[in-house]
């Protein structure tokens, strides 16, 4: 088994353990699709991104619930397929384009094919603005490490740290700003086009 295959296999198992050990109410609307599963696996090419270097300092910003998944992600970061949703002109700033990337674990493009639930881990560097945007999918950001100021709909801005979860309803405008430290999140999407590109407002 290649190191890429091993990494994704272990990340899928660790994601399920993370979900199983959390009783957070934000996961309630996703329960019909747990555990994360797949009918097929497609090995992606390893394509490391520079943002992976934010993982090492982030390891000291986890908690008991999030440490194992974050450490495992860091262990295999070199062997995973990193990507970005946006490019210049899409509505995000150069700070974000230079300082974020994510690794998909389940979704319609794989590596574990799942047509109901998209999941993965995203990393943002310090002091990055992810501007106000919206999409049809329901979403949960589970903070694994670091912190950020999140604003969802008309609710007050909150600072979320390791172990916190931010729930985003379908079409709810939301944004976040990382602070003076990196942010690592485990994300879940369901409903609509699982690869829908957000619209910005």
N, C-alpha and C. Protein backbone atom coordinates (compact mmCIF):
# COMPACT_ATOMS: atom_id res chain seq x y z
N UNK A 1 0.85 -1.20 0.00
CA UNK A 1 0.00 0.00 0.00
C UNK A 1 0.88 1.24 0.00
N UNK A 2 0.59 2.18 -0.89
CA UNK A 2 1.38 3.41 -0.95
C UNK A 2 1.11 4.27 0.28
N UNK A 3 2.01 5.20 0.53
CA UNK A 3 1.82 6.10 1.66
C UNK A 3 0.60 6.99 1.45
N UNK A 4 0.31 7.36 0.21
CA UNK A 4 -0.90 8.13 -0.08
C UNK A 4 -2.15 7.33 0.28
N UNK A 5 -2.21 6.07 -0.15
CA UNK A 5 -3.35 5.22 0.17
C UNK A 5 -3.48 5.04 1.68
N UNK A 6 -2.36 4.80 2.33
CA UNK A 6 -2.37 4.61 3.78
C UNK A 6 -2.87 5.86 4.49
N UNK A 7 -2.42 7.02 4.01
CA UNK A 7 -2.85 8.27 4.63
C UNK A 7 -4.34 8.48 4.54
N UNK A 8 -4.90 8.26 3.35
CA UNK A 8 -6.35 8.46 3.20
C UNK A 8 -7.15 7.42 3.97
N UNK A 9 -6.67 6.19 3.99
CA UNK A 9 -7.37 5.16 4.74
C UNK A 9 -7.42 5.50 6.23
N UNK A 10 -6.30 5.94 6.76
CA UNK A 10 -6.26 6.29 8.18
C UNK A 10 -7.04 7.57 8.48
N UNK A 11 -7.02 8.53 7.54
CA UNK A 11 -7.79 9.75 7.75
C UNK A 11 -9.29 9.48 7.75
N UNK A 12 -9.75 8.57 6.88
CA UNK A 12 -11.17 8.22 6.87
C UNK A 12 -11.56 7.60 8.20
N UNK A 13 -10.75 6.66 8.69
CA UNK A 13 -11.05 6.02 9.98
C UNK A 13 -11.01 7.03 11.12
N UNK A 14 -10.02 7.92 11.10
CA UNK A 14 -9.90 8.92 12.17
C UNK A 14 -11.04 9.93 12.12
N UNK A 15 -11.50 10.27 10.91
CA UNK A 15 -12.64 11.18 10.79
C UNK A 15 -13.88 10.56 11.41
N UNK A 16 -14.08 9.29 11.17
CA UNK A 16 -15.23 8.61 11.77
C UNK A 16 -15.12 8.55 13.29
N UNK A 17 -13.92 8.30 13.79
CA UNK A 17 -13.74 8.30 15.25
C UNK A 17 -14.02 9.68 15.83
N UNK A 18 -13.55 10.71 15.14
CA UNK A 18 -13.77 12.08 15.60
C UNK A 18 -15.27 12.37 15.69
N UNK A 19 -16.01 11.98 14.66
CA UNK A 19 -17.46 12.20 14.64
C UNK A 19 -18.14 11.40 15.75
N UNK A 20 -17.73 10.14 15.90
CA UNK A 20 -18.36 9.26 16.89
C UNK A 20 -18.15 9.73 18.33
N UNK A 21 -17.02 10.38 18.59
CA UNK A 21 -16.73 10.82 19.95
C UNK A 21 -17.28 12.21 20.26
N UNK A 22 -17.89 12.84 19.26
CA UNK A 22 -18.47 14.17 19.48
C UNK A 22 -19.98 14.06 19.62
N UNK A 23 -20.50 14.73 20.61
CA UNK A 23 -21.95 14.79 20.78
C UNK A 23 -22.49 16.18 20.41
N UNK A 24 -21.71 16.95 19.69
CA UNK A 24 -22.08 18.33 19.38
C UNK A 24 -23.37 18.35 18.55
N UNK A 25 -24.28 19.23 18.92
CA UNK A 25 -25.58 19.29 18.24
C UNK A 25 -25.45 19.72 16.78
N UNK A 26 -24.36 20.40 16.43
CA UNK A 26 -24.18 20.85 15.04
C UNK A 26 -24.12 19.68 14.07
N UNK A 27 -23.77 18.50 14.56
CA UNK A 27 -23.67 17.32 13.70
C UNK A 27 -25.02 16.65 13.47
N UNK A 28 -26.04 17.09 14.17
CA UNK A 28 -27.34 16.42 14.12
C UNK A 28 -27.91 16.27 12.72
N UNK A 29 -27.85 17.33 11.91
CA UNK A 29 -28.45 17.27 10.58
C UNK A 29 -27.67 16.40 9.62
N UNK A 30 -26.47 15.97 10.02
CA UNK A 30 -25.64 15.12 9.16
C UNK A 30 -25.71 13.64 9.55
N UNK A 31 -26.40 13.32 10.65
CA UNK A 31 -26.35 11.98 11.23
C UNK A 31 -26.80 10.89 10.26
N UNK A 32 -27.70 11.20 9.33
CA UNK A 32 -28.19 10.17 8.40
C UNK A 32 -27.07 9.61 7.52
N UNK A 33 -25.99 10.37 7.37
CA UNK A 33 -24.91 9.96 6.47
C UNK A 33 -23.65 9.52 7.21
N UNK A 34 -23.76 9.29 8.53
CA UNK A 34 -22.62 8.77 9.30
C UNK A 34 -22.81 7.27 9.47
N UNK A 35 -21.69 6.50 9.55
CA UNK A 35 -20.32 6.96 9.41
C UNK A 35 -19.98 7.32 7.97
N UNK A 36 -18.92 8.08 7.79
CA UNK A 36 -18.46 8.40 6.45
C UNK A 36 -18.10 7.09 5.74
N UNK A 37 -18.62 6.90 4.55
CA UNK A 37 -18.37 5.65 3.84
C UNK A 37 -18.27 5.93 2.34
N UNK A 38 -17.93 4.89 1.60
CA UNK A 38 -17.70 5.05 0.18
C UNK A 38 -17.86 3.72 -0.53
N UNK A 39 -18.27 3.80 -1.79
CA UNK A 39 -18.34 2.59 -2.61
C UNK A 39 -17.11 2.44 -3.48
N UNK A 40 -16.24 3.44 -3.52
CA UNK A 40 -15.06 3.37 -4.36
C UNK A 40 -13.99 4.32 -3.83
N UNK A 41 -12.75 3.96 -4.10
CA UNK A 41 -11.62 4.81 -3.74
C UNK A 41 -10.81 5.07 -5.00
N UNK A 42 -10.50 6.34 -5.24
CA UNK A 42 -9.68 6.74 -6.38
C UNK A 42 -8.44 7.43 -5.83
N UNK A 43 -7.29 6.83 -6.04
CA UNK A 43 -6.07 7.42 -5.49
C UNK A 43 -5.76 8.74 -6.19
N UNK A 44 -5.68 9.84 -5.44
CA UNK A 44 -5.29 11.12 -6.06
C UNK A 44 -3.77 11.24 -6.10
N UNK A 45 -3.29 12.09 -6.96
CA UNK A 45 -1.86 12.39 -6.96
C UNK A 45 -1.52 13.24 -5.75
N UNK A 46 -0.40 12.94 -5.12
CA UNK A 46 0.07 13.79 -4.02
C UNK A 46 0.47 15.14 -4.60
N UNK A 47 -0.02 16.21 -3.98
CA UNK A 47 0.31 17.57 -4.45
C UNK A 47 0.39 18.49 -3.24
N UNK A 48 1.51 18.45 -2.53
CA UNK A 48 1.65 19.26 -1.31
C UNK A 48 1.51 20.75 -1.59
N UNK A 49 0.98 21.47 -0.63
CA UNK A 49 0.83 22.92 -0.73
C UNK A 49 1.62 23.54 0.42
N UNK A 50 2.16 24.73 0.19
CA UNK A 50 2.99 25.37 1.22
C UNK A 50 2.25 25.60 2.52
N UNK A 51 0.93 25.70 2.48
CA UNK A 51 0.17 25.97 3.69
C UNK A 51 0.30 24.81 4.69
N UNK A 52 0.75 23.65 4.22
CA UNK A 52 0.91 22.51 5.14
C UNK A 52 1.90 22.83 6.26
N UNK A 53 2.80 23.81 6.01
CA UNK A 53 3.78 24.18 7.03
C UNK A 53 3.13 24.87 8.22
N UNK A 54 1.87 25.28 8.08
CA UNK A 54 1.13 25.86 9.21
C UNK A 54 0.68 24.78 10.19
N UNK A 55 0.74 23.53 9.76
CA UNK A 55 0.25 22.45 10.62
C UNK A 55 1.11 22.26 11.86
N UNK A 56 2.42 22.33 11.69
CA UNK A 56 3.30 22.06 12.83
C UNK A 56 3.04 23.02 13.99
N UNK A 57 3.01 24.34 13.76
CA UNK A 57 2.69 25.22 14.89
C UNK A 57 1.27 25.02 15.41
N UNK A 58 0.38 24.55 14.55
CA UNK A 58 -1.01 24.36 14.99
C UNK A 58 -1.17 23.18 15.94
N UNK A 59 -0.21 22.26 15.96
CA UNK A 59 -0.34 21.07 16.80
C UNK A 59 -0.42 21.41 18.28
N UNK A 60 0.14 22.54 18.66
CA UNK A 60 0.07 22.95 20.07
C UNK A 60 -1.24 23.65 20.40
N UNK A 61 -2.13 23.79 19.41
CA UNK A 61 -3.39 24.51 19.60
C UNK A 61 -4.59 23.60 19.44
N UNK A 62 -4.41 22.30 19.73
CA UNK A 62 -5.49 21.34 19.68
C UNK A 62 -6.03 21.10 21.08
N UNK A 63 -6.99 20.17 21.20
CA UNK A 63 -7.39 19.71 22.52
C UNK A 63 -7.53 18.19 22.48
N UNK A 64 -8.00 17.59 23.54
CA UNK A 64 -8.03 16.12 23.63
C UNK A 64 -8.88 15.50 22.52
N UNK A 65 -9.95 16.17 22.11
CA UNK A 65 -10.84 15.64 21.09
C UNK A 65 -10.24 15.77 19.69
N UNK A 66 -9.50 16.81 19.45
CA UNK A 66 -9.05 17.12 18.08
C UNK A 66 -7.60 16.75 17.80
N UNK A 67 -6.85 16.38 18.83
CA UNK A 67 -5.40 16.18 18.66
C UNK A 67 -5.07 15.03 17.71
N UNK A 68 -5.72 13.89 17.88
CA UNK A 68 -5.37 12.71 17.08
C UNK A 68 -5.55 12.96 15.59
N UNK A 69 -6.69 13.54 15.20
CA UNK A 69 -6.97 13.79 13.79
C UNK A 69 -5.99 14.82 13.23
N UNK A 70 -5.68 15.85 14.00
CA UNK A 70 -4.75 16.88 13.54
C UNK A 70 -3.34 16.32 13.38
N UNK A 71 -2.90 15.53 14.34
CA UNK A 71 -1.55 14.94 14.25
C UNK A 71 -1.45 13.97 13.09
N UNK A 72 -2.49 13.19 12.85
CA UNK A 72 -2.48 12.27 11.72
C UNK A 72 -2.42 13.03 10.39
N UNK A 73 -3.20 14.08 10.30
CA UNK A 73 -3.20 14.91 9.09
C UNK A 73 -1.81 15.48 8.84
N UNK A 74 -1.16 15.95 9.89
CA UNK A 74 0.19 16.48 9.77
C UNK A 74 1.17 15.39 9.33
N UNK A 75 1.00 14.19 9.86
CA UNK A 75 1.90 13.07 9.53
C UNK A 75 1.91 12.76 8.03
N UNK A 76 0.75 12.85 7.39
CA UNK A 76 0.63 12.46 5.99
C UNK A 76 0.51 13.65 5.04
N UNK A 77 0.71 14.86 5.53
CA UNK A 77 0.45 16.05 4.72
C UNK A 77 1.21 16.05 3.40
N UNK A 78 2.43 15.56 3.39
CA UNK A 78 3.25 15.54 2.17
C UNK A 78 2.68 14.61 1.10
N UNK A 79 1.85 13.64 1.52
CA UNK A 79 1.40 12.59 0.62
C UNK A 79 -0.03 12.77 0.13
N UNK A 80 -0.64 13.90 0.46
CA UNK A 80 -2.05 14.12 0.17
C UNK A 80 -2.23 15.09 -1.01
N UNK A 81 -3.44 15.12 -1.52
CA UNK A 81 -3.77 15.99 -2.65
C UNK A 81 -4.41 17.27 -2.11
N UNK A 82 -3.64 18.36 -2.11
CA UNK A 82 -4.12 19.66 -1.63
C UNK A 82 -4.71 20.43 -2.81
N UNK A 83 -5.76 21.21 -2.52
CA UNK A 83 -6.39 22.01 -3.58
C UNK A 83 -6.99 23.28 -3.01
N UNK A 84 -7.45 24.15 -3.91
CA UNK A 84 -8.15 25.38 -3.56
C UNK A 84 -9.43 25.48 -4.38
N UNK A 85 -10.45 26.10 -3.80
CA UNK A 85 -11.72 26.29 -4.52
C UNK A 85 -11.71 27.54 -5.39
N UNK A 86 -10.86 28.50 -5.03
CA UNK A 86 -10.94 29.82 -5.63
C UNK A 86 -9.67 30.17 -6.39
N UNK A 87 -9.82 31.15 -7.27
CA UNK A 87 -8.69 31.73 -7.98
C UNK A 87 -8.87 33.25 -7.99
N UNK A 88 -7.86 33.94 -8.48
CA UNK A 88 -7.91 35.40 -8.53
C UNK A 88 -9.17 35.86 -9.28
N UNK A 89 -9.90 36.81 -8.70
CA UNK A 89 -11.10 37.33 -9.33
C UNK A 89 -12.38 36.68 -8.85
N UNK A 90 -12.27 35.64 -8.01
CA UNK A 90 -13.47 34.94 -7.53
C UNK A 90 -14.14 35.63 -6.34
N UNK A 91 -13.47 36.60 -5.72
CA UNK A 91 -14.08 37.29 -4.59
C UNK A 91 -13.29 37.18 -3.31
N UNK A 92 -12.18 36.46 -3.35
CA UNK A 92 -11.32 36.37 -2.16
C UNK A 92 -10.04 37.15 -2.41
N UNK A 93 -9.40 37.57 -1.32
CA UNK A 93 -8.19 38.37 -1.44
C UNK A 93 -6.95 37.54 -1.67
N UNK A 94 -5.87 38.22 -2.03
CA UNK A 94 -4.60 37.52 -2.26
C UNK A 94 -4.08 36.89 -0.98
N UNK A 95 -4.43 37.49 0.18
CA UNK A 95 -4.01 36.89 1.45
C UNK A 95 -4.53 35.47 1.58
N UNK A 96 -5.79 35.25 1.18
CA UNK A 96 -6.36 33.92 1.27
C UNK A 96 -5.78 32.99 0.21
N UNK A 97 -5.65 33.48 -1.01
CA UNK A 97 -5.09 32.64 -2.07
C UNK A 97 -3.68 32.18 -1.74
N UNK A 98 -2.94 33.02 -1.04
CA UNK A 98 -1.57 32.66 -0.67
C UNK A 98 -1.51 31.76 0.57
N UNK A 99 -2.59 31.73 1.33
CA UNK A 99 -2.48 31.14 2.67
C UNK A 99 -3.51 30.12 3.06
N UNK A 100 -4.19 29.48 2.09
CA UNK A 100 -5.13 28.43 2.48
C UNK A 100 -5.11 27.31 1.45
N UNK A 101 -5.51 26.14 1.89
CA UNK A 101 -5.73 24.99 1.00
C UNK A 101 -6.45 23.92 1.80
N UNK A 102 -7.01 22.94 1.10
CA UNK A 102 -7.72 21.88 1.80
C UNK A 102 -7.45 20.53 1.14
N UNK A 103 -7.76 19.48 1.88
CA UNK A 103 -7.63 18.11 1.40
C UNK A 103 -8.98 17.44 1.56
N UNK A 104 -9.57 17.01 0.46
CA UNK A 104 -10.85 16.30 0.50
C UNK A 104 -10.63 14.85 0.95
N UNK A 105 -11.56 14.33 1.73
CA UNK A 105 -11.50 12.92 2.15
C UNK A 105 -12.64 12.15 1.49
N UNK A 106 -13.87 12.67 1.58
CA UNK A 106 -15.00 12.06 0.88
C UNK A 106 -15.71 13.12 0.05
N UNK A 107 -16.29 12.69 -1.08
CA UNK A 107 -17.02 13.62 -1.92
C UNK A 107 -17.26 13.02 -3.29
N UNK A 108 -17.86 13.81 -4.16
CA UNK A 108 -18.23 13.29 -5.48
C UNK A 108 -17.01 13.06 -6.37
N UNK A 109 -15.88 13.70 -6.03
CA UNK A 109 -14.64 13.49 -6.80
C UNK A 109 -13.66 12.60 -6.06
N UNK A 110 -14.06 12.09 -4.92
CA UNK A 110 -13.16 11.24 -4.15
C UNK A 110 -12.27 12.06 -3.24
N UNK A 111 -11.20 11.42 -2.73
CA UNK A 111 -10.75 10.08 -3.10
C UNK A 111 -11.70 8.96 -2.70
N UNK A 112 -12.43 9.14 -1.59
CA UNK A 112 -13.51 8.20 -1.26
C UNK A 112 -14.80 8.77 -1.83
N UNK A 113 -15.34 8.09 -2.83
CA UNK A 113 -16.52 8.60 -3.52
C UNK A 113 -17.73 8.54 -2.61
N UNK A 114 -18.37 9.69 -2.43
CA UNK A 114 -19.58 9.78 -1.61
C UNK A 114 -20.46 10.86 -2.24
N UNK A 115 -21.66 10.50 -2.66
CA UNK A 115 -22.54 11.45 -3.34
C UNK A 115 -23.47 12.18 -2.38
N UNK A 116 -23.35 11.91 -1.08
CA UNK A 116 -24.23 12.53 -0.10
C UNK A 116 -23.51 13.48 0.84
N UNK A 117 -22.24 13.21 1.11
CA UNK A 117 -21.54 13.97 2.14
C UNK A 117 -20.11 14.24 1.71
N UNK A 118 -19.77 15.51 1.71
CA UNK A 118 -18.40 15.94 1.41
C UNK A 118 -17.70 16.22 2.73
N UNK A 119 -16.47 15.75 2.86
CA UNK A 119 -15.73 16.00 4.09
C UNK A 119 -14.25 16.17 3.77
N UNK A 120 -13.55 16.84 4.64
CA UNK A 120 -12.13 17.04 4.46
C UNK A 120 -11.57 17.95 5.53
N UNK A 121 -10.32 18.34 5.35
CA UNK A 121 -9.64 19.19 6.32
C UNK A 121 -9.03 20.38 5.58
N UNK A 122 -9.28 21.57 6.10
CA UNK A 122 -8.76 22.79 5.51
C UNK A 122 -7.81 23.49 6.47
N UNK A 123 -6.84 24.21 5.91
CA UNK A 123 -5.85 24.94 6.71
C UNK A 123 -5.78 26.37 6.19
N UNK A 124 -5.83 27.33 7.11
CA UNK A 124 -5.67 28.75 6.80
C UNK A 124 -4.55 29.30 7.67
N UNK A 125 -3.71 30.11 7.10
CA UNK A 125 -2.65 30.75 7.87
C UNK A 125 -3.20 31.88 8.74
N UNK A 126 -2.33 32.54 9.50
CA UNK A 126 -2.77 33.65 10.36
C UNK A 126 -3.24 34.86 9.55
N UNK A 127 -4.16 35.60 10.14
CA UNK A 127 -4.59 36.91 9.61
C UNK A 127 -5.11 36.84 8.17
N UNK A 128 -5.98 35.87 7.93
CA UNK A 128 -6.60 35.72 6.61
C UNK A 128 -8.09 36.01 6.73
N UNK A 129 -8.59 36.77 5.78
CA UNK A 129 -10.01 37.10 5.73
C UNK A 129 -10.69 36.22 4.68
N UNK A 130 -11.63 35.39 5.14
CA UNK A 130 -12.48 34.62 4.22
C UNK A 130 -13.79 35.39 4.14
N UNK A 131 -13.99 36.16 3.06
CA UNK A 131 -15.10 37.12 3.05
C UNK A 131 -16.48 36.47 3.07
N UNK A 132 -17.47 37.30 3.33
CA UNK A 132 -18.87 36.86 3.43
C UNK A 132 -19.29 36.17 2.13
N UNK A 133 -19.82 34.95 2.28
CA UNK A 133 -20.21 34.16 1.12
C UNK A 133 -21.36 33.24 1.51
N UNK A 134 -21.93 32.58 0.51
CA UNK A 134 -23.04 31.66 0.79
C UNK A 134 -23.09 30.58 -0.28
N UNK A 135 -23.80 29.49 0.05
CA UNK A 135 -23.96 28.37 -0.87
C UNK A 135 -25.17 27.55 -0.42
N UNK A 136 -25.66 26.71 -1.30
CA UNK A 136 -26.84 25.91 -1.00
C UNK A 136 -26.56 24.85 0.06
N UNK A 137 -25.37 24.31 0.06
CA UNK A 137 -25.04 23.21 0.97
C UNK A 137 -25.12 23.64 2.43
N UNK A 138 -25.56 22.71 3.27
CA UNK A 138 -25.40 22.86 4.71
C UNK A 138 -23.95 22.52 5.05
N UNK A 139 -23.40 23.22 6.03
CA UNK A 139 -21.98 23.05 6.31
C UNK A 139 -21.72 23.10 7.81
N UNK A 140 -20.72 22.35 8.24
CA UNK A 140 -20.19 22.46 9.60
C UNK A 140 -18.69 22.63 9.52
N UNK A 141 -18.18 23.62 10.24
CA UNK A 141 -16.74 23.76 10.45
C UNK A 141 -16.46 23.24 11.86
N UNK A 142 -15.70 22.17 11.99
CA UNK A 142 -15.25 21.69 13.29
C UNK A 142 -13.80 22.14 13.46
N UNK A 143 -13.56 23.03 14.40
CA UNK A 143 -12.21 23.58 14.56
C UNK A 143 -11.33 22.52 15.24
N UNK A 144 -10.27 22.14 14.54
CA UNK A 144 -9.32 21.16 15.08
C UNK A 144 -8.18 21.83 15.81
N UNK A 145 -7.74 23.00 15.33
CA UNK A 145 -6.61 23.69 15.94
C UNK A 145 -6.68 25.17 15.58
N UNK A 146 -6.12 26.00 16.46
CA UNK A 146 -6.11 27.43 16.21
C UNK A 146 -7.44 28.08 16.53
N UNK A 147 -7.68 29.24 15.94
CA UNK A 147 -8.91 29.97 16.24
C UNK A 147 -9.20 30.94 15.11
N UNK A 148 -10.46 31.39 15.08
CA UNK A 148 -10.89 32.39 14.10
C UNK A 148 -12.17 33.04 14.60
N UNK A 149 -12.44 34.23 14.09
CA UNK A 149 -13.70 34.92 14.36
C UNK A 149 -14.68 34.56 13.25
N UNK A 150 -15.78 33.91 13.61
CA UNK A 150 -16.79 33.47 12.66
C UNK A 150 -18.04 34.33 12.79
N UNK A 151 -18.62 34.68 11.64
CA UNK A 151 -19.91 35.36 11.61
C UNK A 151 -20.83 34.58 10.69
N UNK A 152 -22.01 34.19 11.20
CA UNK A 152 -22.97 33.41 10.42
C UNK A 152 -24.31 34.12 10.47
N UNK A 153 -24.86 34.45 9.28
CA UNK A 153 -26.15 35.13 9.22
C UNK A 153 -26.10 36.44 9.99
N UNK A 154 -27.17 36.70 10.74
CA UNK A 154 -27.22 37.92 11.53
C UNK A 154 -26.77 37.73 12.96
N UNK A 155 -26.17 36.56 13.27
CA UNK A 155 -25.72 36.29 14.64
C UNK A 155 -24.46 37.06 14.96
N UNK A 156 -24.21 37.32 16.23
CA UNK A 156 -22.99 38.02 16.62
C UNK A 156 -21.75 37.20 16.24
N UNK A 157 -20.66 37.89 15.97
CA UNK A 157 -19.39 37.23 15.70
C UNK A 157 -18.91 36.49 16.94
N UNK A 158 -18.41 35.26 16.73
CA UNK A 158 -17.89 34.47 17.84
C UNK A 158 -16.47 34.02 17.51
N UNK A 159 -15.67 33.84 18.55
CA UNK A 159 -14.34 33.25 18.37
C UNK A 159 -14.46 31.76 18.63
N UNK A 160 -14.12 30.96 17.62
CA UNK A 160 -14.17 29.50 17.75
C UNK A 160 -12.75 28.97 17.86
N UNK A 161 -12.58 28.03 18.80
CA UNK A 161 -11.27 27.41 19.05
C UNK A 161 -11.41 25.90 18.97
N UNK A 162 -10.30 25.20 19.15
CA UNK A 162 -10.28 23.75 19.03
C UNK A 162 -11.42 23.11 19.83
N UNK A 163 -12.18 22.26 19.16
CA UNK A 163 -13.32 21.59 19.78
C UNK A 163 -14.65 22.27 19.52
N UNK A 164 -14.63 23.52 19.05
CA UNK A 164 -15.87 24.23 18.74
C UNK A 164 -16.33 23.87 17.33
N UNK A 165 -17.64 23.96 17.11
CA UNK A 165 -18.21 23.72 15.79
C UNK A 165 -19.11 24.87 15.39
N UNK A 166 -18.99 25.26 14.14
CA UNK A 166 -19.80 26.34 13.58
C UNK A 166 -20.73 25.73 12.54
N UNK A 167 -22.03 25.90 12.74
CA UNK A 167 -23.04 25.34 11.84
C UNK A 167 -23.53 26.42 10.89
N UNK A 168 -23.61 26.08 9.60
CA UNK A 168 -24.06 27.02 8.58
C UNK A 168 -25.22 26.40 7.82
N UNK A 169 -26.39 27.03 7.90
CA UNK A 169 -27.56 26.55 7.18
C UNK A 169 -27.45 26.86 5.69
N UNK A 170 -28.26 26.19 4.91
CA UNK A 170 -28.30 26.42 3.47
C UNK A 170 -28.55 27.91 3.16
N UNK A 171 -27.73 28.49 2.32
CA UNK A 171 -27.80 29.87 1.86
C UNK A 171 -27.54 30.91 2.96
N UNK A 172 -27.11 30.50 4.13
CA UNK A 172 -26.80 31.48 5.18
C UNK A 172 -25.47 32.17 4.88
N UNK A 173 -25.45 33.51 4.82
CA UNK A 173 -24.17 34.20 4.60
C UNK A 173 -23.25 33.96 5.80
N UNK A 174 -21.98 33.73 5.52
CA UNK A 174 -21.04 33.50 6.60
C UNK A 174 -19.63 33.91 6.16
N UNK A 175 -18.79 34.16 7.16
CA UNK A 175 -17.41 34.59 6.89
C UNK A 175 -16.58 34.25 8.12
N UNK A 176 -15.27 34.28 7.94
CA UNK A 176 -14.41 34.21 9.12
C UNK A 176 -13.08 34.90 8.87
N UNK A 177 -12.46 35.28 9.97
CA UNK A 177 -11.17 35.95 9.96
C UNK A 177 -10.26 35.20 10.92
N UNK A 178 -9.14 34.67 10.40
CA UNK A 178 -8.20 34.02 11.31
C UNK A 178 -7.47 35.08 12.12
N UNK A 179 -6.98 34.66 13.27
CA UNK A 179 -6.31 35.57 14.18
C UNK A 179 -4.79 35.45 13.98
N UNK A 180 -4.01 35.64 15.02
CA UNK A 180 -2.56 35.62 14.86
C UNK A 180 -1.99 34.21 14.97
N UNK A 181 -2.73 33.25 14.46
CA UNK A 181 -2.30 31.85 14.50
C UNK A 181 -3.03 31.11 13.38
N UNK A 182 -2.51 29.96 12.97
CA UNK A 182 -3.19 29.20 11.91
C UNK A 182 -4.50 28.61 12.40
N UNK A 183 -5.34 28.23 11.44
CA UNK A 183 -6.62 27.59 11.72
C UNK A 183 -6.68 26.28 10.92
N UNK A 184 -7.07 25.21 11.60
CA UNK A 184 -7.28 23.91 10.95
C UNK A 184 -8.71 23.48 11.24
N UNK A 185 -9.48 23.16 10.19
CA UNK A 185 -10.87 22.75 10.40
C UNK A 185 -11.16 21.45 9.66
N UNK A 186 -11.99 20.64 10.27
CA UNK A 186 -12.61 19.50 9.61
C UNK A 186 -13.97 19.98 9.15
N UNK A 187 -14.27 19.79 7.86
CA UNK A 187 -15.53 20.33 7.34
C UNK A 187 -16.44 19.22 6.83
N UNK A 188 -17.73 19.48 6.87
CA UNK A 188 -18.76 18.60 6.33
C UNK A 188 -19.72 19.43 5.50
N UNK A 189 -20.08 18.92 4.33
CA UNK A 189 -21.08 19.54 3.44
C UNK A 189 -22.11 18.50 3.08
N UNK A 190 -23.36 18.93 2.94
CA UNK A 190 -24.39 18.07 2.36
C UNK A 190 -25.46 18.94 1.71
N UNK A 191 -26.21 18.34 0.79
CA UNK A 191 -27.31 18.97 0.05
C UNK A 191 -26.77 19.78 -1.13
N UNK A 192 -27.52 19.74 -2.20
CA UNK A 192 -27.14 20.52 -3.38
C UNK A 192 -25.90 19.95 -4.06
N UNK A 193 -25.25 20.79 -4.83
CA UNK A 193 -24.03 20.43 -5.53
C UNK A 193 -22.88 20.41 -4.53
N UNK A 194 -22.31 19.23 -4.30
CA UNK A 194 -21.26 19.13 -3.29
C UNK A 194 -19.97 19.83 -3.69
N UNK A 195 -19.88 20.26 -4.95
CA UNK A 195 -18.73 21.03 -5.38
C UNK A 195 -19.13 22.42 -5.87
N UNK A 196 -20.25 22.90 -5.35
CA UNK A 196 -20.73 24.25 -5.69
C UNK A 196 -19.70 25.29 -5.26
N UNK A 197 -19.46 26.28 -6.12
CA UNK A 197 -18.59 27.39 -5.75
C UNK A 197 -19.44 28.46 -5.08
N UNK A 198 -18.96 28.97 -3.98
CA UNK A 198 -19.71 29.96 -3.20
C UNK A 198 -19.91 31.24 -3.99
N UNK A 199 -20.98 31.96 -3.66
CA UNK A 199 -21.18 33.31 -4.17
C UNK A 199 -20.86 34.30 -3.05
N UNK A 200 -20.31 35.45 -3.42
CA UNK A 200 -19.85 36.42 -2.42
C UNK A 200 -20.76 37.64 -2.43
N UNK A 201 -20.95 38.19 -1.22
CA UNK A 201 -21.83 39.35 -1.09
C UNK A 201 -21.16 40.45 -0.27
